Amino acid sequence: MTAMNENQLTGKHVNVAMMTSGGLAPCLSCSISRLAHYWIQALKDGKIGGLTLRMYKDGYKGVLIGDSFVVPESDWESMEALDFIGGSPIGNSRVKLTNEADCKKRGFIKDDETPLEAAAQRLLKDEIHVLHTIGGDDTNTQAAFLSKYLLEQHGGKVVVVGMPKTIDNDVVPIRQTFGADTAARQGAIFFTNVVSETSANPRMLVLHEVMGRDCGYLTAKTAAYYRESLNAQKFASPLFPSNKESRDVHAIWIPETKFDLKTEAARLQKVMDTYGCVNVFFGEGTGIEEIIKDMESRGETVARDAFGHVSLAKINPGEYFAKNLSAAIGAEKTIVQKSGYFARSAAANDFDRKLIADCAKVGVESAIQGVSGCMGQDEEKEGMPIRAIEFERIKGGKAFDISETWFQDMMKEIGQTA
């Protein structure tokens, strides 16, 4: 979205609003802190003539029902503490402004209203100049719809600058989304404790389910960080059965790689016979098609709707693997452990705090110049600069690049074909 010169906010009193939306990620609180920091700095530097910081509660729900508060200047300095707090200090929700029926059903708008009109009226009433949407691709594209609607229907000029939040790291064309690195680190910490369960029972199968339905980045990176910590761990005599090899990652299953349960079972049975345990990292959306084929080949019924489409809600990879892989490799005990909520609710780490700060700084500069977009490293531009990426280019579904050297090396090390 290209802004006109009259949208520039230099020297003006700027009313800034922020909201967080969608699921949690280790970046929401820090994004609010860093955006506030650079707006306050812009005021101190004389780039703007005044500043009001308004927070809408619970994402678009707060915008629709007018639930918000203004942060008094006396509390501005205390917002720095949000850099080290997980979750969202202003609440999240999953609300789609283009889904009128859902918004009416949930009581967010009246029968004679539309979500876009209700949200536009709220922003106009609150005299918002800049709206920061901190969320995933859907959150930010909804913000683009809202900004366009305001301009076309009300002549309102609201600059929208989004911050890309998703632990899946699956937003096109953004190189690295906020919170993904932290979530991977936290998932590794989670498994550092869980892996000790391999010593609780002979022939133990541990299935570590990681968030990421369509993208394997988080699963792969979590495994890489876990193995990094494992390599730094000191161990006693190799005569002890619970050792580095038994605690290693023995399989990594993600949507982007070929998956054959029978082939993997044959490989992992040897691992089980050698170490007395098997540790598998898998993305929550892994192997759906392969699982369906295998179930049907076994004569099992796969739930389908009236149109013949598979009911994905009935295909539970963790449950399926626990049932079928454990039998194939002779596991005596199997557990499925999910690190998702543990990982996504953490506070941002050093890497993400720097990334967030870099994007927030450029984002505030863009907003002052009247330029809307979603902040991030633009993979489709030479040098991958941090910039306000045009909303129409933002979309989800970016696959993890399995040709990455670090991933290929890791797969070779664990003896698995990528």
Protein backbone atom coordinates (compact mmCIF):
# COMPACT_ATOMS: atom_id res chain seq x y z
CA MET A 1 0.00 0.00 0.00
CA THR A 2 1.55 3.28 -1.09
CA ALA A 3 0.83 6.30 1.10
CA MET A 4 0.26 9.83 -0.14
CA ASN A 5 2.35 12.70 1.19
CA GLU A 6 -0.56 14.10 3.21
CA ASN A 7 -0.49 10.93 5.31
CA GLN A 8 2.88 11.87 6.81
CA LEU A 9 2.73 12.49 10.54
CA THR A 10 5.90 14.52 11.02
CA GLY A 11 5.41 17.24 13.63
CA LYS A 12 1.85 16.17 14.46
CA HIS A 13 0.29 14.81 17.63
CA VAL A 14 -0.03 11.10 16.84
CA ASN A 15 -2.66 8.78 18.33
CA VAL A 16 -1.15 5.29 18.20
CA ALA A 17 -3.17 2.14 18.86
CA MET A 18 -1.91 -1.40 19.35
CA MET A 19 -3.57 -4.81 19.45
CA THR A 20 -2.45 -8.45 19.55
CA SER A 21 -4.35 -11.23 17.86
CA GLY A 22 -4.36 -14.96 17.15
CA GLY A 23 -2.47 -17.58 19.15
CA LEU A 24 0.36 -16.73 21.50
CA ALA A 25 3.97 -16.39 20.44
CA PRO A 26 7.08 -15.27 22.35
CA CYS A 27 7.00 -11.75 20.92
CA LEU A 28 3.68 -10.11 21.75
CA SER A 29 4.69 -8.30 24.92
CA CYS A 30 8.10 -7.35 23.56
CA SER A 31 6.57 -5.95 20.36
CA ILE A 32 4.35 -3.63 22.39
CA SER A 33 7.34 -2.52 24.45
CA ARG A 34 9.63 -1.87 21.47
CA LEU A 35 6.97 -0.04 19.44
CA ALA A 36 6.18 2.16 22.43
CA HIS A 37 9.90 2.77 22.97
CA TYR A 38 10.47 4.07 19.44
CA TRP A 39 7.31 6.19 19.44
CA ILE A 40 8.42 7.79 22.70
CA GLN A 41 11.90 8.29 21.21
CA ALA A 42 10.35 9.94 18.15
CA LEU A 43 8.55 12.35 20.48
CA LYS A 44 11.77 13.11 22.38
CA ASP A 45 13.62 13.69 19.11
CA GLY A 46 10.96 16.14 17.93
CA LYS A 47 9.88 14.01 14.97
CA ILE A 48 6.28 14.17 16.19
CA GLY A 49 4.54 16.90 18.20
CA GLY A 50 2.68 14.73 20.69
CA LEU A 51 1.80 11.13 21.47
CA THR A 52 -1.10 9.06 22.80
CA LEU A 53 -0.67 5.31 23.28
CA ARG A 54 -3.96 3.35 23.24
CA MET A 55 -4.25 -0.41 23.75
CA TYR A 56 -7.21 -2.40 22.39
CA LYS A 57 -7.94 -5.45 24.53
CA ASP A 58 -8.35 -8.95 23.10
CA GLY A 59 -7.47 -8.16 19.50
CA TYR A 60 -10.18 -7.21 17.02
CA LYS A 61 -12.79 -7.98 19.65
CA GLY A 62 -11.60 -4.92 21.58
CA VAL A 63 -11.74 -2.78 18.45
CA LEU A 64 -15.29 -3.92 17.65
CA ILE A 65 -16.74 -3.42 21.13
CA GLY A 66 -14.60 -0.40 22.04
CA ASP A 67 -12.68 -2.05 24.87
CA SER A 68 -9.42 -0.15 25.22
CA PHE A 69 -7.33 2.02 27.52
CA VAL A 70 -4.79 4.81 27.18
CA VAL A 71 -1.39 4.29 28.80
CA PRO A 72 -0.68 7.42 30.88
CA GLU A 73 2.67 9.11 30.32
CA SER A 74 3.60 8.32 33.91
CA ASP A 75 3.53 4.59 32.98
CA TRP A 76 5.48 4.80 29.74
CA GLU A 77 8.82 3.94 31.30
CA SER A 78 7.40 0.83 33.01
CA MET A 79 6.51 -0.68 29.63
CA GLU A 80 10.17 -1.70 29.22
CA ALA A 81 9.36 -4.61 31.58
CA LEU A 82 7.24 -6.17 28.81
CA ASP A 83 10.46 -7.17 27.02
CA PHE A 84 10.82 -10.04 29.48
CA ILE A 85 7.20 -11.21 29.90
CA GLY A 86 5.50 -13.96 27.91
CA GLY A 87 1.98 -13.99 26.54
CA SER A 88 0.11 -10.79 25.74
CA PRO A 89 -0.43 -8.05 28.33
CA ILE A 90 -3.56 -6.90 26.49
CA GLY A 91 -5.10 -10.25 25.56
CA ASN A 92 -5.70 -12.09 22.29
CA SER A 93 -8.67 -13.42 20.36
CA ARG A 94 -9.37 -15.01 16.99
CA VAL A 95 -11.76 -12.64 15.21
CA LYS A 96 -12.06 -12.21 11.45
CA LEU A 97 -13.47 -8.86 10.37
CA THR A 98 -14.58 -10.30 7.05
CA ASN A 99 -16.67 -13.00 8.79
CA GLU A 100 -19.83 -11.04 9.53
CA ALA A 101 -21.88 -14.03 10.68
CA ASP A 102 -19.33 -15.07 13.29
CA CYS A 103 -18.97 -11.54 14.67
CA LYS A 104 -22.77 -11.26 15.05
CA LYS A 105 -23.04 -14.72 16.61
CA ARG A 106 -20.44 -13.77 19.23
CA GLY A 107 -22.17 -10.47 19.98
CA PHE A 108 -19.36 -8.21 18.79
CA ILE A 109 -21.59 -6.22 16.42
CA LYS A 110 -25.29 -5.39 16.12
CA ASP A 111 -27.61 -6.99 13.57
CA ASP A 112 -27.56 -3.88 11.36
CA GLU A 113 -23.75 -3.51 11.45
CA THR A 114 -20.85 -5.01 9.53
CA PRO A 115 -17.55 -5.77 11.28
CA LEU A 116 -15.55 -3.48 9.01
CA GLU A 117 -17.96 -0.59 9.55
CA ALA A 118 -18.03 -1.11 13.33
CA ALA A 119 -14.23 -1.28 13.52
CA ALA A 120 -13.86 1.77 11.26
CA GLN A 121 -16.27 3.80 13.37
CA ARG A 122 -14.34 2.86 16.51
CA LEU A 123 -11.00 3.95 15.06
CA LEU A 124 -12.54 7.19 13.81
CA LYS A 125 -14.15 7.87 17.17
CA ASP A 126 -10.85 7.25 18.95
CA GLU A 127 -9.11 9.44 16.34
CA ILE A 128 -6.48 6.80 15.64
CA HIS A 129 -3.70 7.79 13.23
CA VAL A 130 -1.61 4.61 13.44
CA LEU A 131 -2.77 1.06 14.18
CA HIS A 132 -0.16 -1.58 15.04
CA THR A 133 -1.48 -5.10 14.49
CA ILE A 134 0.68 -7.71 16.18
CA GLY A 135 -0.30 -11.10 14.79
CA GLY A 136 0.02 -13.61 11.97
CA ASP A 137 -0.66 -13.23 8.27
CA ASP A 138 -4.45 -13.33 8.75
CA THR A 139 -4.35 -10.62 11.42
CA ASN A 140 -2.32 -8.31 9.22
CA THR A 141 -4.29 -8.89 6.02
CA GLN A 142 -7.48 -8.16 7.96
CA ALA A 143 -5.85 -4.91 9.03
CA ALA A 144 -5.21 -4.10 5.38
CA PHE A 145 -8.91 -4.64 4.59
CA LEU A 146 -9.80 -2.32 7.46
CA SER A 147 -7.38 0.40 6.34
CA LYS A 148 -8.67 0.23 2.75
CA TYR A 149 -12.29 0.35 3.95
CA LEU A 150 -11.60 3.42 6.07
CA LEU A 151 -10.02 5.23 3.17
CA GLU A 152 -12.67 4.30 0.60
CA GLN A 153 -15.79 4.63 2.76
CA HIS A 154 -14.87 7.36 5.23
CA GLY A 155 -11.88 9.17 3.82
CA GLY A 156 -10.08 8.16 7.00
CA LYS A 157 -6.34 7.86 6.75
CA VAL A 158 -5.15 5.27 9.26
CA VAL A 159 -1.62 4.00 8.78
CA VAL A 160 -1.44 0.28 9.58
CA VAL A 161 1.92 -1.23 10.50
CA GLY A 162 1.84 -4.92 11.35
CA MET A 163 4.30 -7.04 13.31
CA PRO A 164 4.53 -10.68 12.09
CA LYS A 165 3.88 -13.10 14.92
CA THR A 166 4.01 -16.84 14.27
CA ILE A 167 6.17 -19.57 15.73
CA ASP A 168 5.75 -21.56 12.51
CA ASN A 169 7.91 -19.06 10.56
CA ASP A 170 5.65 -19.62 7.58
CA VAL A 171 4.81 -16.12 6.32
CA VAL A 172 5.66 -15.10 2.74
CA PRO A 173 7.91 -13.16 2.01
CA ILE A 174 9.29 -12.68 5.54
CA ARG A 175 12.62 -14.33 6.31
CA GLN A 176 12.07 -14.76 10.05
CA THR A 177 8.87 -14.18 11.98
CA PHE A 178 8.89 -12.99 15.57
CA GLY A 179 8.93 -15.64 18.29
CA ALA A 180 9.87 -18.65 16.13
CA ASP A 181 13.46 -18.82 17.38
CA THR A 182 12.40 -18.48 21.02
CA ALA A 183 9.76 -21.18 20.63
CA ALA A 184 12.34 -23.55 19.16
CA ARG A 185 14.71 -22.88 22.07
CA GLN A 186 11.91 -23.43 24.58
CA GLY A 187 10.82 -26.64 22.86
CA ALA A 188 14.37 -27.89 23.23
CA ILE A 189 14.32 -27.08 26.94
CA PHE A 190 11.01 -28.91 27.25
CA PHE A 191 12.44 -32.06 25.68
CA THR A 192 15.62 -31.88 27.76
CA ASN A 193 13.46 -32.93 30.71
CA VAL A 194 11.02 -35.18 28.85
CA VAL A 195 13.80 -37.28 27.35
CA SER A 196 14.65 -38.56 30.83
CA GLU A 197 11.45 -40.61 30.59
CA THR A 198 13.43 -42.99 28.37
CA SER A 199 14.98 -44.28 31.58
CA ALA A 200 11.61 -44.96 33.21
CA ASN A 201 10.84 -48.14 31.28
CA PRO A 202 12.62 -50.64 29.01
CA ARG A 203 11.98 -50.21 25.27
CA MET A 204 10.50 -46.75 25.60
CA LEU A 205 9.07 -44.74 22.68
CA VAL A 206 8.91 -40.96 23.23
CA LEU A 207 6.95 -38.96 20.63
CA HIS A 208 7.56 -35.22 20.84
CA GLU A 209 4.78 -33.36 19.01
CA VAL A 210 5.71 -29.83 17.93
CA MET A 211 3.35 -27.14 16.65
CA GLY A 212 3.33 -26.48 12.91
CA ARG A 213 0.53 -28.05 10.90
CA ASP A 214 1.86 -27.23 7.43
CA CYS A 215 5.42 -26.02 8.04
CA GLY A 216 8.26 -28.04 9.55
CA TYR A 217 10.53 -25.13 10.55
CA LEU A 218 9.71 -25.24 14.26
CA THR A 219 10.09 -29.02 14.53
CA ALA A 220 13.42 -28.98 12.71
CA LYS A 221 14.82 -26.03 14.62
CA THR A 222 13.65 -27.42 17.96
CA ALA A 223 15.48 -30.65 17.21
CA ALA A 224 18.61 -28.74 16.17
CA TYR A 225 18.65 -26.67 19.36
CA TYR A 226 18.01 -29.73 21.51
CA ARG A 227 20.90 -31.60 19.89
CA GLU A 228 23.08 -28.52 20.35
CA SER A 229 22.46 -28.65 24.10
CA LEU A 230 22.89 -32.43 24.12
CA ASN A 231 26.32 -32.11 22.53
CA ALA A 232 27.34 -29.71 25.28
CA GLN A 233 26.17 -32.09 28.02
CA LYS A 234 28.73 -34.12 29.96
CA PHE A 235 28.02 -37.81 30.53
CA ALA A 236 29.36 -40.52 32.79
CA SER A 237 30.84 -43.85 31.67
CA PRO A 238 29.37 -45.14 28.38
CA LEU A 239 28.53 -48.32 30.28
CA PHE A 240 25.49 -46.54 31.67
CA PRO A 241 22.52 -47.33 29.38
CA SER A 242 21.11 -43.82 29.73
CA ASN A 243 23.71 -41.91 27.73
CA LYS A 244 24.12 -39.37 24.95
CA GLU A 245 23.07 -41.81 22.21
CA SER A 246 19.92 -42.88 24.02
CA ARG A 247 18.93 -39.25 24.58
CA ASP A 248 19.54 -38.15 21.01
CA VAL A 249 16.86 -37.41 18.41
CA HIS A 250 16.35 -40.57 16.38
CA ALA A 251 13.78 -39.30 13.88
CA ILE A 252 12.48 -35.95 12.59
CA TRP A 253 9.19 -36.02 10.71
CA ILE A 254 7.91 -32.85 9.05
CA PRO A 255 5.41 -32.14 6.24
CA GLU A 256 8.12 -31.16 3.74
CA THR A 257 9.93 -34.54 3.81
CA LYS A 258 8.89 -37.90 2.46
CA PHE A 259 7.34 -40.10 5.10
CA ASP A 260 6.91 -43.86 5.01
CA LEU A 261 5.99 -45.40 8.33
CA LYS A 262 7.04 -48.92 7.35
CA THR A 263 10.49 -47.80 6.23
CA GLU A 264 10.95 -45.66 9.32
CA ALA A 265 9.72 -48.46 11.59
CA ALA A 266 12.33 -50.82 10.18
CA ARG A 267 15.07 -48.24 10.79
CA LEU A 268 13.86 -47.32 14.25
CA GLN A 269 13.47 -50.92 15.37
CA LYS A 270 17.25 -51.22 15.08
CA VAL A 271 17.60 -48.06 17.18
CA MET A 272 15.28 -49.53 19.80
CA ASP A 273 17.21 -52.80 19.87
CA THR A 274 20.50 -50.92 20.27
CA TYR A 275 19.62 -48.21 22.81
CA GLY A 276 16.44 -49.48 24.43
CA CYS A 277 14.49 -46.38 23.42
CA VAL A 278 13.43 -44.23 20.45
CA ASN A 279 12.90 -40.45 20.43
CA VAL A 280 10.85 -38.94 17.60
CA PHE A 281 10.26 -35.24 16.86
CA PHE A 282 7.27 -34.65 14.58
CA GLY A 283 5.24 -31.68 13.41
CA GLU A 284 1.57 -31.85 14.30
CA GLY A 285 0.55 -32.00 10.61
CA THR A 286 3.10 -34.61 9.57
CA GLY A 287 2.27 -37.49 7.30
CA ILE A 288 -1.49 -36.96 7.02
CA GLU A 289 -1.73 -38.37 3.48
CA GLU A 290 0.63 -41.23 4.26
CA ILE A 291 -1.28 -42.04 7.44
CA ILE A 292 -4.53 -42.22 5.48
CA LYS A 293 -3.03 -44.57 2.91
CA ASP A 294 -1.56 -46.78 5.61
CA MET A 295 -4.83 -46.89 7.56
CA GLU A 296 -6.77 -47.87 4.45
CA SER A 297 -4.22 -50.53 3.53
CA ARG A 298 -4.75 -52.03 6.96
CA GLY A 299 -8.49 -52.05 6.43
CA GLU A 300 -9.11 -49.28 8.94
CA THR A 301 -11.93 -46.80 8.34
CA VAL A 302 -10.97 -43.19 7.59
CA ALA A 303 -13.69 -40.69 8.49
CA ARG A 304 -14.98 -38.71 5.50
CA ASP A 305 -17.70 -36.11 4.98
CA ALA A 306 -20.61 -36.24 2.55
CA PHE A 307 -18.38 -35.04 -0.28
CA GLY A 308 -15.78 -37.73 0.32
CA HIS A 309 -13.27 -35.36 1.91
CA VAL A 310 -11.19 -36.73 4.76
CA SER A 311 -12.09 -35.31 8.16
CA LEU A 312 -8.67 -34.09 9.28
CA ALA A 313 -9.96 -33.52 12.80
CA LYS A 314 -10.25 -37.30 13.09
CA ILE A 315 -6.66 -37.92 11.99
CA ASN A 316 -4.51 -37.55 15.08
CA PRO A 317 -0.84 -38.18 14.16
CA GLY A 318 0.32 -38.50 17.75
CA GLU A 319 -2.31 -41.09 18.58
CA TYR A 320 -1.72 -42.89 15.29
CA PHE A 321 2.06 -43.05 15.76
CA ALA A 322 1.66 -44.14 19.37
CA LYS A 323 -0.56 -47.01 18.25
CA ASN A 324 1.20 -48.18 15.11
CA LEU A 325 4.87 -47.28 15.50
CA SER A 326 5.06 -48.66 19.01
CA ALA A 327 3.77 -52.03 17.80
CA ALA A 328 6.11 -52.05 14.80
CA ILE A 329 9.27 -51.43 16.82
CA GLY A 330 8.29 -53.44 19.88
CA ALA A 331 7.96 -50.60 22.35
CA GLU A 332 6.81 -51.63 25.82
CA LYS A 333 5.69 -48.12 26.73
CA THR A 334 4.86 -45.05 24.62
CA ILE A 335 4.24 -41.44 25.56
CA VAL A 336 3.24 -38.45 23.42
CA GLN A 337 4.44 -35.12 24.75
CA LYS A 338 3.41 -31.74 23.26
CA SER A 339 5.69 -28.75 23.77
CA GLY A 340 3.50 -26.21 21.96
CA TYR A 341 1.87 -24.32 24.81
CA PHE A 342 5.06 -24.39 26.87
CA ALA A 343 7.08 -22.96 23.97
CA ARG A 344 4.68 -20.34 22.64
CA SER A 345 3.99 -18.74 26.02
CA ALA A 346 7.62 -17.89 26.78
CA ALA A 347 9.12 -14.42 26.82
CA ALA A 348 11.19 -13.44 23.78
CA ASN A 349 14.87 -14.43 23.86
CA ASP A 350 17.82 -12.22 22.89
CA PHE A 351 17.56 -13.11 19.20
CA ASP A 352 13.87 -12.26 18.96
CA ARG A 353 14.17 -9.13 21.10
CA LYS A 354 16.78 -7.76 18.68
CA LEU A 355 14.71 -8.72 15.63
CA ILE A 356 11.61 -7.14 17.14
CA ALA A 357 13.50 -3.98 18.07
CA ASP A 358 15.01 -3.63 14.59
CA CYS A 359 11.60 -4.03 12.96
CA ALA A 360 9.83 -1.76 15.46
CA LYS A 361 12.34 1.02 14.84
CA VAL A 362 11.82 0.90 11.07
CA GLY A 363 8.08 0.40 11.60
CA VAL A 364 7.72 3.63 13.55
CA GLU A 365 9.76 5.49 10.95
CA SER A 366 7.49 4.07 8.22
CA ALA A 367 4.35 5.05 10.12
CA ILE A 368 5.57 8.63 10.53
CA GLN A 369 6.13 8.75 6.77
CA GLY A 370 2.58 7.44 6.25
CA VAL A 371 3.63 4.06 4.86
CA SER A 372 1.60 0.99 5.81
CA GLY A 373 2.78 -2.62 5.67
CA CYS A 374 3.91 -5.64 7.64
CA MET A 375 7.40 -5.40 9.11
CA GLY A 376 10.08 -7.95 8.38
CA GLN A 377 13.10 -8.95 6.33
CA ASP A 378 11.80 -8.98 2.76
CA GLU A 379 13.17 -12.17 1.16
CA GLU A 380 12.10 -11.03 -2.29
CA LYS A 381 14.21 -7.85 -2.21
CA GLU A 382 17.96 -7.77 -2.73
CA GLY A 383 19.77 -7.88 0.59
CA MET A 384 16.56 -8.82 2.45
CA PRO A 385 16.07 -5.34 3.97
CA ILE A 386 13.78 -4.75 6.94
CA ARG A 387 10.86 -2.77 5.56
CA ALA A 388 7.11 -2.31 5.65
CA ILE A 389 6.18 -5.09 3.24
CA GLU A 390 3.06 -4.41 1.19
CA PHE A 391 0.07 -6.19 2.72
CA GLU A 392 -1.03 -7.66 -0.59
CA ARG A 393 2.23 -9.63 -0.68
CA ILE A 394 1.73 -11.11 2.79
CA LYS A 395 0.41 -14.66 2.92
CA GLY A 396 0.78 -17.79 5.01
CA GLY A 397 1.78 -21.29 4.00
CA LYS A 398 5.50 -20.79 3.38
CA ALA A 399 7.17 -24.19 3.49
CA PHE A 400 10.39 -24.88 5.38
CA ASP A 401 13.39 -25.11 3.03
CA ILE A 402 14.75 -28.60 3.70
CA SER A 403 17.80 -27.85 1.54
CA GLU A 404 19.19 -25.71 4.38
CA THR A 405 22.69 -27.01 5.15
CA TRP A 406 22.13 -27.25 8.90
CA PHE A 407 19.03 -29.39 8.36
CA GLN A 408 20.67 -31.71 5.83
CA ASP A 409 23.66 -32.19 8.13
CA MET A 410 21.40 -32.99 11.08
CA MET A 411 19.42 -35.57 9.11
CA LYS A 412 22.63 -37.31 8.02
CA GLU A 413 23.86 -37.37 11.61
CA ILE A 414 20.74 -39.12 12.87
CA GLY A 415 20.77 -41.56 9.96
CA GLN A 416 17.56 -40.42 8.31
CA THR A 417 16.97 -39.64 4.65
CA ALA A 418 15.74 -36.08 4.10
